[in-house]
Amino acid sequence: VRQMIVAHNFAPGNAGIYFWFDIIVPVALILL
């Protein structure tokens, strides 16, 4: 998020599936 805001970095490895994976999977594991 910081890179998206500060550096306008919307490269696929920064703002794509990896970003969402980094949020969704830990939250899902915690809930499980």
PDB file of all heavy atoms in Angstrom:
ATOM      1  N   VAL A   1       0.842  -1.201   0.000  1.00  0.00           N
ATOM      2  CA  VAL A   1       0.000   0.000   0.000  1.00  0.00           C
ATOM      3  C   VAL A   1       0.874   1.247   0.000  1.00  0.00           C
ATOM      4  O   VAL A   1       0.633   2.199  -0.753  1.00  0.00           O
ATOM      5  CB  VAL A   1      -0.970   0.004   1.207  1.00  0.00           C
ATOM      6  CG1 VAL A   1      -1.648   1.356   1.357  1.00  0.00           C
ATOM      7  CG2 VAL A   1      -2.001  -1.105   1.064  1.00  0.00           C
ATOM      8  N   ARG A   2       1.889   1.231   0.834  1.00  0.00           N
ATOM      9  CA  ARG A   2       2.804   2.379   0.890  1.00  0.00           C
ATOM     10  C   ARG A   2       3.430   2.629  -0.480  1.00  0.00           C
ATOM     11  O   ARG A   2       3.513   3.772  -0.930  1.00  0.00           O
ATOM     12  CB  ARG A   2       3.886   2.139   1.940  1.00  0.00           C
ATOM     13  CG  ARG A   2       4.802   3.312   2.138  1.00  0.00           C
ATOM     14  CD  ARG A   2       5.764   3.066   3.310  1.00  0.00           C
ATOM     15  NE  ARG A   2       6.581   4.228   3.534  1.00  0.00           N
ATOM     16  CZ  ARG A   2       7.681   4.547   2.833  1.00  0.00           C
ATOM     17  NH1 ARG A   2       8.071   3.767   1.851  1.00  0.00           N
ATOM     18  NH2 ARG A   2       8.364   5.632   3.116  1.00  0.00           N
ATOM     19  N   GLN A   3       3.860   1.576  -1.149  1.00  0.00           N
ATOM     20  CA  GLN A   3       4.446   1.720  -2.475  1.00  0.00           C
ATOM     21  C   GLN A   3       3.432   2.238  -3.497  1.00  0.00           C
ATOM     22  O   GLN A   3       3.775   3.025  -4.380  1.00  0.00           O
ATOM     23  CB  GLN A   3       5.021   0.376  -2.956  1.00  0.00           C
ATOM     24  CG  GLN A   3       6.336   0.018  -2.332  1.00  0.00           C
ATOM     25  CD  GLN A   3       7.417   0.985  -2.791  1.00  0.00           C
ATOM     26  OE1 GLN A   3       7.698   1.100  -3.979  1.00  0.00           O
ATOM     27  NE2 GLN A   3       7.999   1.689  -1.845  1.00  0.00           N
ATOM     28  N   MET A   4       2.170   1.809  -3.366  1.00  0.00           N
ATOM     29  CA  MET A   4       1.131   2.305  -4.277  1.00  0.00           C
ATOM     30  C   MET A   4       0.910   3.803  -4.073  1.00  0.00           C
ATOM     31  O   MET A   4       0.757   4.550  -5.041  1.00  0.00           O
ATOM     32  CB  MET A   4      -0.173   1.541  -4.059  1.00  0.00           C
ATOM     33  CG  MET A   4      -0.168   0.135  -4.610  1.00  0.00           C
ATOM     34  SD  MET A   4      -1.768  -0.655  -4.369  1.00  0.00           S
ATOM     35  CE  MET A   4      -1.326  -2.003  -3.282  1.00  0.00           C
ATOM     36  N   ILE A   5       0.911   4.241  -2.807  1.00  0.00           N
ATOM     37  CA  ILE A   5       0.646   5.642  -2.503  1.00  0.00           C
ATOM     38  C   ILE A   5       1.861   6.519  -2.776  1.00  0.00           C
ATOM     39  O   ILE A   5       1.764   7.530  -3.481  1.00  0.00           O
ATOM     40  CB  ILE A   5       0.183   5.807  -1.033  1.00  0.00           C
ATOM     41  CG1 ILE A   5      -1.175   5.126  -0.848  1.00  0.00           C
ATOM     42  CG2 ILE A   5       0.137   7.271  -0.627  1.00  0.00           C
ATOM     43  CD1 ILE A   5      -1.607   4.982   0.597  1.00  0.00           C
ATOM     44  N   VAL A   6       3.003   6.154  -2.238  1.00  0.00           N
ATOM     45  CA  VAL A   6       4.202   6.994  -2.304  1.00  0.00           C
ATOM     46  C   VAL A   6       4.874   6.934  -3.674  1.00  0.00           C
ATOM     47  O   VAL A   6       5.244   7.967  -4.234  1.00  0.00           O
ATOM     48  CB  VAL A   6       5.212   6.600  -1.198  1.00  0.00           C
ATOM     49  CG1 VAL A   6       6.523   7.333  -1.344  1.00  0.00           C
ATOM     50  CG2 VAL A   6       4.601   6.848   0.170  1.00  0.00           C
ATOM     51  N   ALA A   7       5.035   5.728  -4.210  1.00  0.00           N
ATOM     52  CA  ALA A   7       5.799   5.564  -5.453  1.00  0.00           C
ATOM     53  C   ALA A   7       4.896   5.310  -6.666  1.00  0.00           C
ATOM     54  O   ALA A   7       5.403   5.104  -7.763  1.00  0.00           O
ATOM     55  CB  ALA A   7       6.801   4.420  -5.298  1.00  0.00           C
ATOM     56  N   HIS A   8       3.576   5.302  -6.466  1.00  0.00           N
ATOM     57  CA  HIS A   8       2.629   5.013  -7.550  1.00  0.00           C
ATOM     58  C   HIS A   8       3.002   3.694  -8.237  1.00  0.00           C
ATOM     59  O   HIS A   8       2.925   3.576  -9.450  1.00  0.00           O
ATOM     60  CB  HIS A   8       2.553   6.169  -8.550  1.00  0.00           C
ATOM     61  CG  HIS A   8       2.247   7.476  -7.902  1.00  0.00           C
ATOM     62  ND1 HIS A   8       1.005   7.765  -7.403  1.00  0.00           N
ATOM     63  CD2 HIS A   8       3.044   8.547  -7.634  1.00  0.00           C
ATOM     64  CE1 HIS A   8       1.031   8.971  -6.853  1.00  0.00           C
ATOM     65  NE2 HIS A   8       2.257   9.455  -6.974  1.00  0.00           N
ATOM     66  N   ASN A   9       3.395   2.707  -7.406  1.00  0.00           N
ATOM     67  CA  ASN A   9       3.841   1.412  -7.904  1.00  0.00           C
ATOM     68  C   ASN A   9       2.646   0.466  -7.973  1.00  0.00           C
ATOM     69  O   ASN A   9       2.224  -0.092  -6.962  1.00  0.00           O
ATOM     70  CB  ASN A   9       4.929   0.840  -6.999  1.00  0.00           C
ATOM     71  CG  ASN A   9       5.409  -0.522  -7.435  1.00  0.00           C
ATOM     72  OD1 ASN A   9       4.904  -1.105  -8.377  1.00  0.00           O
ATOM     73  ND2 ASN A   9       6.397  -1.038  -6.733  1.00  0.00           N
ATOM     74  N   PHE A  10       2.118   0.317  -9.178  1.00  0.00           N
ATOM     75  CA  PHE A  10       0.998  -0.588  -9.397  1.00  0.00           C
ATOM     76  C   PHE A  10       1.415  -1.777 -10.262  1.00  0.00           C
ATOM     77  O   PHE A  10       0.598  -2.362 -10.966  1.00  0.00           O
ATOM     78  CB  PHE A  10      -0.189   0.167 -10.011  1.00  0.00           C
ATOM     79  CG  PHE A  10      -0.789   1.145  -9.044  1.00  0.00           C
ATOM     80  CD1 PHE A  10      -0.367   2.465  -9.022  1.00  0.00           C
ATOM     81  CD2 PHE A  10      -1.734   0.738  -8.127  1.00  0.00           C
ATOM     82  CE1 PHE A  10      -0.899   3.369  -8.116  1.00  0.00           C
ATOM     83  CE2 PHE A  10      -2.267   1.629  -7.202  1.00  0.00           C
ATOM     84  CZ  PHE A  10      -1.853   2.948  -7.202  1.00  0.00           C
ATOM     85  N   ALA A  11       2.700  -2.136 -10.173  1.00  0.00           N
ATOM     86  CA  ALA A  11       3.209  -3.308 -10.879  1.00  0.00           C
ATOM     87  C   ALA A  11       2.442  -4.539 -10.397  1.00  0.00           C
ATOM     88  O   ALA A  11       2.023  -4.602  -9.236  1.00  0.00           O
ATOM     89  CB  ALA A  11       4.708  -3.469 -10.621  1.00  0.00           C
ATOM     90  N   PRO A  12       2.258  -5.538 -11.270  1.00  0.00           N
ATOM     91  CA  PRO A  12       1.496  -6.730 -10.874  1.00  0.00           C
ATOM     92  C   PRO A  12       2.017  -7.404  -9.603  1.00  0.00           C
ATOM     93  O   PRO A  12       1.227  -7.895  -8.807  1.00  0.00           O
ATOM     94  CB  PRO A  12       1.643  -7.666 -12.081  1.00  0.00           C
ATOM     95  CG  PRO A  12       1.916  -6.750 -13.230  1.00  0.00           C
ATOM     96  CD  PRO A  12       2.692  -5.592 -12.658  1.00  0.00           C
ATOM     97  N   GLY A  13       3.317  -7.405  -9.393  1.00  0.00           N
ATOM     98  CA  GLY A  13       3.882  -8.027  -8.202  1.00  0.00           C
ATOM     99  C   GLY A  13       3.697  -7.202  -6.943  1.00  0.00           C
ATOM    100  O   GLY A  13       3.940  -7.681  -5.840  1.00  0.00           O
ATOM    101  N   ASN A  14       3.257  -5.952  -7.091  1.00  0.00           N
ATOM    102  CA  ASN A  14       3.032  -5.097  -5.930  1.00  0.00           C
ATOM    103  C   ASN A  14       1.539  -4.886  -5.666  1.00  0.00           C
ATOM    104  O   ASN A  14       1.118  -4.901  -4.519  1.00  0.00           O
ATOM    105  CB  ASN A  14       3.704  -3.728  -6.113  1.00  0.00           C
ATOM    106  CG  ASN A  14       3.665  -2.916  -4.840  1.00  0.00           C
ATOM    107  OD1 ASN A  14       4.260  -3.288  -3.839  1.00  0.00           O
ATOM    108  ND2 ASN A  14       2.934  -1.814  -4.865  1.00  0.00           N
ATOM    109  N   ALA A  15       0.754  -4.699  -6.716  1.00  0.00           N
ATOM    110  CA  ALA A  15      -0.648  -4.331  -6.532  1.00  0.00           C
ATOM    111  C   ALA A  15      -1.624  -5.382  -7.040  1.00  0.00           C
ATOM    112  O   ALA A  15      -2.824  -5.175  -6.968  1.00  0.00           O
ATOM    113  CB  ALA A  15      -0.913  -2.998  -7.243  1.00  0.00           C
ATOM    114  N   GLY A  16      -1.125  -6.498  -7.523  1.00  0.00           N
ATOM    115  CA  GLY A  16      -1.998  -7.524  -8.077  1.00  0.00           C
ATOM    116  C   GLY A  16      -2.350  -8.604  -7.071  1.00  0.00           C
ATOM    117  O   GLY A  16      -2.577  -8.336  -5.885  1.00  0.00           O
ATOM    118  N   ILE A  17      -2.341  -9.838  -7.537  1.00  0.00           N
ATOM    119  CA  ILE A  17      -2.752 -10.984  -6.731  1.00  0.00           C
ATOM    120  C   ILE A  17      -1.911 -11.130  -5.455  1.00  0.00           C
ATOM    121  O   ILE A  17      -2.414 -11.541  -4.411  1.00  0.00           O
ATOM    122  CB  ILE A  17      -2.732 -12.291  -7.550  1.00  0.00           C
ATOM    123  CG1 ILE A  17      -3.356 -13.447  -6.750  1.00  0.00           C
ATOM    124  CG2 ILE A  17      -1.336 -12.612  -8.036  1.00  0.00           C
ATOM    125  CD1 ILE A  17      -3.531 -14.729  -7.531  1.00  0.00           C
ATOM    126  N   TYR A  18      -0.637 -10.759  -5.520  1.00  0.00           N
ATOM    127  CA  TYR A  18       0.223 -10.891  -4.334  1.00  0.00           C
ATOM    128  C   TYR A  18      -0.273  -9.992  -3.203  1.00  0.00           C
ATOM    129  O   TYR A  18      -0.269 -10.390  -2.048  1.00  0.00           O
ATOM    130  CB  TYR A  18       1.679 -10.567  -4.679  1.00  0.00           C
ATOM    131  CG  TYR A  18       2.286 -11.594  -5.587  1.00  0.00           C
ATOM    132  CD1 TYR A  18       2.270 -11.435  -6.966  1.00  0.00           C
ATOM    133  CD2 TYR A  18       2.839 -12.758  -5.068  1.00  0.00           C
ATOM    134  CE1 TYR A  18       2.802 -12.396  -7.799  1.00  0.00           C
ATOM    135  CE2 TYR A  18       3.381 -13.726  -5.900  1.00  0.00           C
ATOM    136  CZ  TYR A  18       3.353 -13.539  -7.269  1.00  0.00           C
ATOM    137  OH  TYR A  18       3.875 -14.500  -8.084  1.00  0.00           O
ATOM    138  N   PHE A  19      -0.701  -8.791  -3.543  1.00  0.00           N
ATOM    139  CA  PHE A  19      -1.236  -7.874  -2.528  1.00  0.00           C
ATOM    140  C   PHE A  19      -2.452  -8.493  -1.844  1.00  0.00           C
ATOM    141  O   PHE A  19      -2.541  -8.517  -0.617  1.00  0.00           O
ATOM    142  CB  PHE A  19      -1.586  -6.531  -3.179  1.00  0.00           C
ATOM    143  CG  PHE A  19      -2.378  -5.623  -2.286  1.00  0.00           C
ATOM    144  CD1 PHE A  19      -1.791  -5.050  -1.167  1.00  0.00           C
ATOM    145  CD2 PHE A  19      -3.702  -5.346  -2.556  1.00  0.00           C
ATOM    146  CE1 PHE A  19      -2.529  -4.214  -0.332  1.00  0.00           C
ATOM    147  CE2 PHE A  19      -4.440  -4.513  -1.733  1.00  0.00           C
ATOM    148  CZ  PHE A  19      -3.844  -3.939  -0.612  1.00  0.00           C
ATOM    149  N   TRP A  20      -3.376  -8.990  -2.642  1.00  0.00           N
ATOM    150  CA  TRP A  20      -4.594  -9.566  -2.066  1.00  0.00           C
ATOM    151  C   TRP A  20      -4.310 -10.853  -1.301  1.00  0.00           C
ATOM    152  O   TRP A  20      -4.903 -11.095  -0.248  1.00  0.00           O
ATOM    153  CB  TRP A  20      -5.648  -9.772  -3.161  1.00  0.00           C
ATOM    154  CG  TRP A  20      -6.085  -8.437  -3.686  1.00  0.00           C
ATOM    155  CD1 TRP A  20      -5.766  -7.885  -4.892  1.00  0.00           C
ATOM    156  CD2 TRP A  20      -6.858  -7.472  -2.985  1.00  0.00           C
ATOM    157  NE1 TRP A  20      -6.304  -6.623  -4.977  1.00  0.00           N
ATOM    158  CE2 TRP A  20      -6.987  -6.344  -3.814  1.00  0.00           C
ATOM    159  CE3 TRP A  20      -7.464  -7.434  -1.722  1.00  0.00           C
ATOM    160  CZ2 TRP A  20      -7.687  -5.207  -3.434  1.00  0.00           C
ATOM    161  CZ3 TRP A  20      -8.160  -6.297  -1.347  1.00  0.00           C
ATOM    162  CH2 TRP A  20      -8.270  -5.205  -2.194  1.00  0.00           C
ATOM    163  N   PHE A  21      -3.405 -11.663  -1.809  1.00  0.00           N
ATOM    164  CA  PHE A  21      -2.987 -12.876  -1.103  1.00  0.00           C
ATOM    165  C   PHE A  21      -2.443 -12.515   0.279  1.00  0.00           C
ATOM    166  O   PHE A  21      -2.766 -13.178   1.273  1.00  0.00           O
ATOM    167  CB  PHE A  21      -1.912 -13.604  -1.925  1.00  0.00           C
ATOM    168  CG  PHE A  21      -1.417 -14.887  -1.295  1.00  0.00           C
ATOM    169  CD1 PHE A  21      -2.000 -16.092  -1.612  1.00  0.00           C
ATOM    170  CD2 PHE A  21      -0.347 -14.887  -0.405  1.00  0.00           C
ATOM    171  CE1 PHE A  21      -1.539 -17.284  -1.051  1.00  0.00           C
ATOM    172  CE2 PHE A  21       0.118 -16.059   0.168  1.00  0.00           C
ATOM    173  CZ  PHE A  21      -0.493 -17.262  -0.160  1.00  0.00           C
ATOM    174  N   ASP A  22      -1.626 -11.463   0.346  1.00  0.00           N
ATOM    175  CA  ASP A  22      -0.994 -11.033   1.599  1.00  0.00           C
ATOM    176  C   ASP A  22      -2.011 -10.603   2.651  1.00  0.00           C
ATOM    177  O   ASP A  22      -1.683 -10.576   3.843  1.00  0.00           O
ATOM    178  CB  ASP A  22      -0.012  -9.884   1.338  1.00  0.00           C
ATOM    179  CG  ASP A  22       1.227 -10.317   0.580  1.00  0.00           C
ATOM    180  OD1 ASP A  22       1.386 -11.524   0.319  1.00  0.00           O
ATOM    181  OD2 ASP A  22       2.033  -9.427   0.246  1.00  0.00           O
ATOM    182  N   ILE A  23      -3.213 -10.283   2.232  1.00  0.00           N
ATOM    183  CA  ILE A  23      -4.269  -9.893   3.174  1.00  0.00           C
ATOM    184  C   ILE A  23      -5.234 -11.049   3.438  1.00  0.00           C
ATOM    185  O   ILE A  23      -5.505 -11.405   4.584  1.00  0.00           O
ATOM    186  CB  ILE A  23      -5.056  -8.672   2.642  1.00  0.00           C
ATOM    187  CG1 ILE A  23      -4.134  -7.455   2.532  1.00  0.00           C
ATOM    188  CG2 ILE A  23      -6.265  -8.370   3.532  1.00  0.00           C
ATOM    189  CD1 ILE A  23      -4.736  -6.292   1.784  1.00  0.00           C
ATOM    190  N   ILE A  24      -5.740 -11.634   2.369  1.00  0.00           N
ATOM    191  CA  ILE A  24      -6.812 -12.632   2.491  1.00  0.00           C
ATOM    192  C   ILE A  24      -6.357 -13.896   3.209  1.00  0.00           C
ATOM    193  O   ILE A  24      -7.055 -14.395   4.098  1.00  0.00           O
ATOM    194  CB  ILE A  24      -7.400 -12.965   1.099  1.00  0.00           C
ATOM    195  CG1 ILE A  24      -8.120 -11.736   0.542  1.00  0.00           C
ATOM    196  CG2 ILE A  24      -8.321 -14.173   1.166  1.00  0.00           C
ATOM    197  CD1 ILE A  24      -8.495 -11.847  -0.923  1.00  0.00           C
ATOM    198  N   VAL A  25      -5.195 -14.426   2.856  1.00  0.00           N
ATOM    199  CA  VAL A  25      -4.776 -15.713   3.435  1.00  0.00           C
ATOM    200  C   VAL A  25      -4.506 -15.602   4.941  1.00  0.00           C
ATOM    201  O   VAL A  25      -5.015 -16.434   5.701  1.00  0.00           O
ATOM    202  CB  VAL A  25      -3.602 -16.330   2.649  1.00  0.00           C
ATOM    203  CG1 VAL A  25      -3.074 -17.577   3.341  1.00  0.00           C
ATOM    204  CG2 VAL A  25      -4.042 -16.665   1.227  1.00  0.00           C
ATOM    205  N   PRO A  26      -3.755 -14.602   5.422  1.00  0.00           N
ATOM    206  CA  PRO A  26      -3.568 -14.524   6.881  1.00  0.00           C
ATOM    207  C   PRO A  26      -4.891 -14.350   7.639  1.00  0.00           C
ATOM    208  O   PRO A  26      -5.102 -15.003   8.662  1.00  0.00           O
ATOM    209  CB  PRO A  26      -2.672 -13.300   7.075  1.00  0.00           C
ATOM    210  CG  PRO A  26      -2.019 -13.069   5.775  1.00  0.00           C
ATOM    211  CD  PRO A  26      -2.954 -13.587   4.722  1.00  0.00           C
ATOM    212  N   VAL A  27      -5.771 -13.512   7.114  1.00  0.00           N
ATOM    213  CA  VAL A  27      -7.061 -13.305   7.785  1.00  0.00           C
ATOM    214  C   VAL A  27      -7.858 -14.611   7.801  1.00  0.00           C
ATOM    215  O   VAL A  27      -8.427 -14.987   8.832  1.00  0.00           O
ATOM    216  CB  VAL A  27      -7.850 -12.156   7.116  1.00  0.00           C
ATOM    217  CG1 VAL A  27      -9.285 -12.098   7.620  1.00  0.00           C
ATOM    218  CG2 VAL A  27      -7.139 -10.819   7.346  1.00  0.00           C
ATOM    219  N   ALA A  28      -7.875 -15.332   6.685  1.00  0.00           N
ATOM    220  CA  ALA A  28      -8.595 -16.610   6.627  1.00  0.00           C
ATOM    221  C   ALA A  28      -7.994 -17.631   7.592  1.00  0.00           C
ATOM    222  O   ALA A  28      -8.731 -18.348   8.293  1.00  0.00           O
ATOM    223  CB  ALA A  28      -8.585 -17.157   5.195  1.00  0.00           C
ATOM    224  N   LEU A  29      -6.665 -17.703   7.655  1.00  0.00           N
ATOM    225  CA  LEU A  29      -6.018 -18.638   8.582  1.00  0.00           C
ATOM    226  C   LEU A  29      -6.361 -18.305  10.032  1.00  0.00           C
ATOM    227  O   LEU A  29      -6.646 -19.203  10.827  1.00  0.00           O
ATOM    228  CB  LEU A  29      -4.497 -18.612   8.395  1.00  0.00           C
ATOM    229  CG  LEU A  29      -3.951 -19.235   7.118  1.00  0.00           C
ATOM    230  CD1 LEU A  29      -2.468 -18.925   6.970  1.00  0.00           C
ATOM    231  CD2 LEU A  29      -4.199 -20.734   7.100  1.00  0.00           C
ATOM    232  N   ILE A  30      -6.319 -17.039  10.367  1.00  0.00           N
ATOM    233  CA  ILE A  30      -6.652 -16.609  11.733  1.00  0.00           C
ATOM    234  C   ILE A  30      -8.087 -17.003  12.066  1.00  0.00           C
ATOM    235  O   ILE A  30      -8.370 -17.567  13.142  1.00  0.00           O
ATOM    236  CB  ILE A  30      -6.400 -15.096  11.919  1.00  0.00           C
ATOM    237  CG1 ILE A  30      -4.907 -14.794  11.833  1.00  0.00           C
ATOM    238  CG2 ILE A  30      -7.009 -14.597  13.225  1.00  0.00           C
ATOM    239  CD1 ILE A  30      -4.565 -13.311  11.645  1.00  0.00           C
ATOM    240  N   LEU A  31      -9.011 -16.728  11.142  1.00  0.00           N
ATOM    241  CA  LEU A  31     -10.414 -17.063  11.383  1.00  0.00           C
ATOM    242  C   LEU A  31     -10.622 -18.571  11.495  1.00  0.00           C
ATOM    243  O   LEU A  31     -11.348 -19.034  12.375  1.00  0.00           O
ATOM    244  CB  LEU A  31     -11.290 -16.495  10.272  1.00  0.00           C
ATOM    245  CG  LEU A  31     -11.443 -14.976  10.260  1.00  0.00           C
ATOM    246  CD1 LEU A  31     -12.190 -14.511   9.018  1.00  0.00           C
ATOM    247  CD2 LEU A  31     -12.124 -14.484  11.531  1.00  0.00           C
ATOM    248  N   LEU A  32      -9.972 -19.338  10.622  1.00  0.00           N
ATOM    249  CA  LEU A  32     -10.078 -20.803  10.713  1.00  0.00           C
ATOM    250  C   LEU A  32      -9.561 -21.301  12.055  1.00  0.00           C
ATOM    251  O   LEU A  32     -10.174 -22.181  12.683  1.00  0.00           O
ATOM    252  CB  LEU A  32      -9.283 -21.467   9.588  1.00  0.00           C
ATOM    253  CG  LEU A  32      -9.940 -21.544   8.225  1.00  0.00           C
ATOM    254  CD1 LEU A  32      -8.938 -21.950   7.157  1.00  0.00           C
ATOM    255  CD2 LEU A  32     -11.111 -22.519   8.250  1.00  0.00           C
TER     256      LEU A  32
END
